[in-house]
Every structure is written in C-alpha cells, then in structure tokens.
Amino acid sequence: MHVLCLLDELGRKLETESFSTDAEGCDKLARRIGDPEKCIAVGIEGTASYGAGLARRLSNLGYNVVEVLRSKRDKNRIGEGKSDSLDAERAARKAASGRGCSMPKSQNGWVEAIRQLNIIRKLAVATSIFAVACAKSLFTAAPEPLRRRFRGFDAAKDLMLSFARKYKPASALEEAALASLRSGRKRVNRWRYAMSV
C-alpha cells in the first residue's frame, strides 16, 4: 500500500489515506492530491525501489516529485511510534520544507541499467562468499578419513571439492558430506555463468 498524507499550505494535516500500489491505485492517489499546479511537492521515500512506480506516474502527470531521504536517526526516534501514517506525514513535512530531500533517481538510461547490473553482481558475490564459508564449515565437520584425504587443499580455491569426484565414500556420512559440497559447487557455478552472460 501507498499511504498519502495531505498537508495544507500552513502545514496542517488534512487527512491520511491508503492506496494500492497498482496503476489504478496510483491514479486514485493522484486524483486525491488534486491539481499538480496547486501542489508544492510530493515527497516519496524509495523512488528507486518500492516508490519507483508511483514516482514515475506522478512525474508523468506533472507533479513536483522529490525523494525523501531517510536518515538513520529516523529509524529509531525515541518517544515516537512507527507506522505508515506517521512515515507518510514525516515525508510530507520534509517535502514541504525541502529539508532532507533530493531529486528522484532516474529510472531510465544507462545509470539505471548499471544499477540493476550492480544489484545482481552484489548478490552473486555474496552468494559465492557464503558458499565458500559453507564449504569450509562442511569440510571442517566432515568425517576424519575424508578430511585426512583432502588435507592441504584450499577449500576456497578448489571450491566444493570438485576434485573429489573419484573419491569413493566409505560411509553414508561421507557420501552426504561430498554430495553437499558438490551441490554447493553447482549452485556457485550457475551464478558465475549467469554473471558471464
């Protein structure tokens, strides 16, 4: 849901209302705001994420849309509650004053294309790091015969014991450990392939 808080020219709260995040909800929200010429500004948090669709729609309709920046202190305000209606009012007051606001991030062109690629790259890197940590943890807790057989190998370099294909497990526990390591390696390789495409 998008929550709208309307303020008058003196900063008095007129009303708070919720709208769905689909196209119809965005249009209803715009109609509730009224004439774009009479609206000083519309403050939206997250114009590059959850508020992107609404920011685009309102900008296309002629509203002065500003990105409301949320400081770390806003997340933990002592003595103040946390709710969507309170967040909407804070955003409206910041937009009206112009403090704590910036121009919305562009959602088109090469900047947005790089941003999207960067998001998936961060996910791939985090996944690889987590997979290596899991491999080390699994290898550390593996049965002693398996650990003795592959001692000296770098679990990060030889990720998920890809060299262990010819190793014949001596127990169900060893078989499970090797299967887990190989499964993790396949997942990492899929991410690496996706990043290279």
Protein backbone atom coordinates (compact mmCIF):
# COMPACT_ATOMS: atom_id res chain seq x y z
CA MET A 1 0.00 0.00 0.00
CA HIS A 2 1.00 3.61 -0.61
CA VAL A 3 -0.03 5.91 2.24
CA LEU A 4 -0.82 9.53 1.37
CA CYS A 5 -0.71 12.34 3.92
CA LEU A 6 -2.07 15.67 2.70
CA LEU A 7 -0.93 18.95 4.25
CA ASP A 8 -2.39 22.38 3.58
CA GLU A 9 -0.34 25.49 2.81
CA LEU A 10 0.14 26.13 6.54
CA GLY A 11 1.41 22.60 7.21
CA ARG A 12 -1.78 21.38 8.88
CA LYS A 13 -2.62 17.74 8.28
CA LEU A 14 -5.79 17.40 6.26
CA GLU A 15 -6.08 13.62 6.01
CA THR A 16 -4.28 10.32 5.62
CA GLU A 17 -5.41 7.65 3.19
CA SER A 18 -4.08 4.36 1.78
CA PHE A 19 -3.99 3.32 -1.87
CA SER A 20 -3.00 0.13 -3.66
CA THR A 21 0.36 0.05 -5.43
CA ASP A 22 -1.04 -0.87 -8.85
CA ALA A 23 -1.69 1.61 -11.69
CA GLU A 24 -5.29 2.18 -10.60
CA GLY A 25 -4.20 2.92 -7.03
CA CYS A 26 -1.56 5.39 -8.24
CA ASP A 27 -4.16 7.22 -10.34
CA LYS A 28 -6.59 7.36 -7.40
CA LEU A 29 -3.81 8.78 -5.22
CA ALA A 30 -3.07 11.44 -7.86
CA ARG A 31 -6.75 12.41 -8.08
CA ARG A 32 -6.85 12.71 -4.29
CA ILE A 33 -3.88 15.11 -4.33
CA GLY A 34 -5.62 17.26 -6.92
CA ASP A 35 -4.28 19.75 -9.44
CA PRO A 36 -0.48 19.40 -9.94
CA GLU A 37 -0.24 23.20 -10.34
CA LYS A 38 -1.55 23.72 -6.80
CA CYS A 39 0.69 21.09 -5.22
CA ILE A 40 4.02 22.37 -3.88
CA ALA A 41 5.69 18.95 -3.81
CA VAL A 42 5.06 15.26 -3.37
CA GLY A 43 7.61 13.53 -1.15
CA ILE A 44 8.23 9.83 -1.76
CA GLU A 45 10.63 7.53 0.05
CA GLY A 46 12.43 4.96 -2.08
CA THR A 47 11.93 6.37 -5.58
CA ALA A 48 14.39 3.75 -6.86
CA SER A 49 12.68 0.83 -5.12
CA TYR A 50 9.17 0.48 -3.69
CA GLY A 51 8.16 4.01 -4.64
CA ALA A 52 9.54 3.85 -8.20
CA GLY A 53 6.21 3.19 -9.95
CA LEU A 54 4.38 5.90 -8.03
CA ALA A 55 7.19 8.41 -8.57
CA ARG A 56 7.17 7.77 -12.34
CA ARG A 57 3.38 8.06 -12.57
CA LEU A 58 3.16 11.30 -10.59
CA SER A 59 6.07 12.83 -12.50
CA ASN A 60 4.35 11.99 -15.79
CA LEU A 61 1.19 13.69 -14.51
CA GLY A 62 3.14 16.88 -13.80
CA TYR A 63 3.68 16.73 -10.04
CA ASN A 64 6.89 18.01 -8.47
CA VAL A 65 8.18 14.72 -7.04
CA VAL A 66 11.07 14.78 -4.56
CA GLU A 67 12.97 11.90 -2.99
CA VAL A 68 12.58 11.99 0.78
CA LEU A 69 15.83 10.78 2.33
CA ARG A 70 15.50 8.72 5.45
CA SER A 71 18.29 9.28 7.93
CA LYS A 72 19.44 6.56 10.32
CA ARG A 73 18.10 8.57 13.22
CA ASP A 74 14.59 8.47 11.73
CA LYS A 75 14.56 4.69 12.13
CA ASN A 76 14.82 4.91 15.92
CA ARG A 77 13.01 8.00 17.13
CA ILE A 78 12.70 7.88 20.91
CA GLY A 79 9.17 8.58 22.07
CA GLU A 80 7.66 8.36 18.58
CA GLY A 81 5.73 5.45 17.16
CA LYS A 82 6.42 3.65 13.91
CA SER A 83 3.59 3.39 11.42
CA ASP A 84 2.92 4.00 7.75
CA SER A 85 0.73 7.02 8.51
CA LEU A 86 3.44 8.62 10.68
CA ASP A 87 6.05 7.91 8.00
CA ALA A 88 3.79 9.48 5.37
CA GLU A 89 3.33 12.61 7.50
CA ARG A 90 7.07 12.93 8.10
CA ALA A 91 7.69 12.55 4.36
CA ALA A 92 5.08 15.20 3.58
CA ARG A 93 6.58 17.66 6.05
CA LYS A 94 10.09 17.10 4.67
CA ALA A 95 8.81 17.63 1.12
CA ALA A 96 7.03 20.83 2.11
CA SER A 97 10.11 22.24 3.85
CA GLY A 98 12.58 20.96 1.26
CA ARG A 99 14.85 19.64 4.02
CA GLY A 100 16.13 16.07 3.75
CA CYS A 101 15.08 15.80 0.11
CA SER A 102 16.79 15.28 -3.22
CA MET A 103 15.95 14.82 -6.87
CA PRO A 104 14.46 11.37 -7.55
CA LYS A 105 16.82 8.86 -9.12
CA SER A 106 16.37 8.43 -12.84
CA GLN A 107 14.66 5.17 -13.77
CA ASN A 108 15.86 5.10 -17.36
CA GLY A 109 19.06 5.29 -19.35
CA TRP A 110 22.47 3.79 -18.69
CA VAL A 111 22.57 4.80 -14.99
CA GLU A 112 19.57 2.61 -14.22
CA ALA A 113 20.99 -0.20 -16.36
CA ILE A 114 24.25 -0.14 -14.36
CA ARG A 115 22.31 0.00 -11.07
CA GLN A 116 20.38 -3.15 -11.99
CA LEU A 117 23.54 -4.99 -13.04
CA ASN A 118 25.24 -3.90 -9.82
CA ILE A 119 22.38 -5.30 -7.71
CA ILE A 120 22.70 -8.78 -9.24
CA ARG A 121 26.50 -8.61 -9.06
CA LYS A 122 26.35 -7.92 -5.33
CA LEU A 123 24.02 -10.90 -4.94
CA ALA A 124 26.39 -13.15 -6.91
CA VAL A 125 29.41 -12.04 -4.86
CA ALA A 126 27.53 -12.53 -1.58
CA THR A 127 26.37 -15.97 -2.73
CA SER A 128 29.91 -17.02 -3.65
CA ILE A 129 31.31 -15.80 -0.32
CA PHE A 130 28.58 -17.62 1.59
CA ALA A 131 29.16 -20.80 -0.45
CA VAL A 132 32.89 -20.77 0.33
CA ALA A 133 32.13 -20.28 4.03
CA CYS A 134 29.69 -23.21 3.89
CA ALA A 135 32.28 -25.37 2.12
CA LYS A 136 34.87 -24.65 4.81
CA SER A 137 32.33 -25.37 7.54
CA LEU A 138 31.24 -28.65 5.93
CA PHE A 139 34.85 -29.72 5.37
CA THR A 140 35.80 -28.86 8.96
CA ALA A 141 32.96 -31.02 10.30
CA ALA A 142 33.45 -33.85 7.76
CA PRO A 143 34.48 -37.33 8.91
CA GLU A 144 38.19 -37.68 9.68
CA PRO A 145 39.02 -40.05 6.75
CA LEU A 146 37.59 -37.50 4.31
CA ARG A 147 39.44 -34.63 5.97
CA ARG A 148 42.69 -36.60 6.00
CA ARG A 149 42.32 -37.46 2.30
CA PHE A 150 41.90 -33.80 1.25
CA ARG A 151 44.02 -32.05 3.88
CA GLY A 152 46.23 -29.42 2.28
CA PHE A 153 43.71 -28.45 -0.36
CA ASP A 154 42.33 -24.93 -0.21
CA ALA A 155 38.55 -25.26 0.15
CA ALA A 156 38.10 -21.75 -1.25
CA LYS A 157 40.38 -22.28 -4.25
CA ASP A 158 39.12 -25.79 -5.05
CA LEU A 159 35.57 -24.77 -4.29
CA MET A 160 33.24 -27.51 -3.09
CA LEU A 161 35.83 -30.26 -3.60
CA SER A 162 35.29 -30.56 -7.34
CA PHE A 163 38.42 -32.75 -7.34
CA ALA A 164 36.66 -35.31 -5.14
CA ARG A 165 34.64 -36.95 -7.92
CA LYS A 166 36.77 -40.10 -7.93
CA TYR A 167 36.75 -40.42 -4.15
CA LYS A 168 34.68 -43.39 -3.00
CA PRO A 169 32.93 -42.55 0.27
CA ALA A 170 33.33 -45.17 2.99
CA SER A 171 30.12 -44.30 4.85
CA ALA A 172 26.74 -42.64 4.41
CA LEU A 173 28.06 -39.62 6.33
CA GLU A 174 30.99 -39.18 3.93
CA GLU A 175 28.63 -39.59 0.98
CA ALA A 176 26.31 -36.90 2.38
CA ALA A 177 29.22 -34.51 3.00
CA LEU A 178 30.53 -34.93 -0.56
CA ALA A 179 27.03 -34.57 -2.04
CA SER A 180 26.52 -31.35 -0.09
CA LEU A 181 29.83 -29.90 -1.26
CA ARG A 182 29.19 -30.83 -4.90
CA SER A 183 25.66 -29.40 -4.77
CA GLY A 184 27.01 -26.12 -3.43
CA ARG A 185 29.61 -26.01 -6.19
CA LYS A 186 26.91 -26.43 -8.86
CA ARG A 187 24.96 -23.50 -7.42
CA VAL A 188 28.01 -21.23 -7.43
CA ASN A 189 28.86 -22.24 -10.99
CA ARG A 190 25.33 -21.33 -12.07
CA TRP A 191 25.77 -17.84 -10.59
CA ARG A 192 29.15 -17.46 -12.31
CA TYR A 193 27.62 -18.50 -15.64
CA ALA A 194 24.73 -16.04 -15.15
CA MET A 195 27.21 -13.23 -14.45
CA SER A 196 29.22 -14.04 -17.60
CA VAL A 197 26.20 -14.00 -19.93
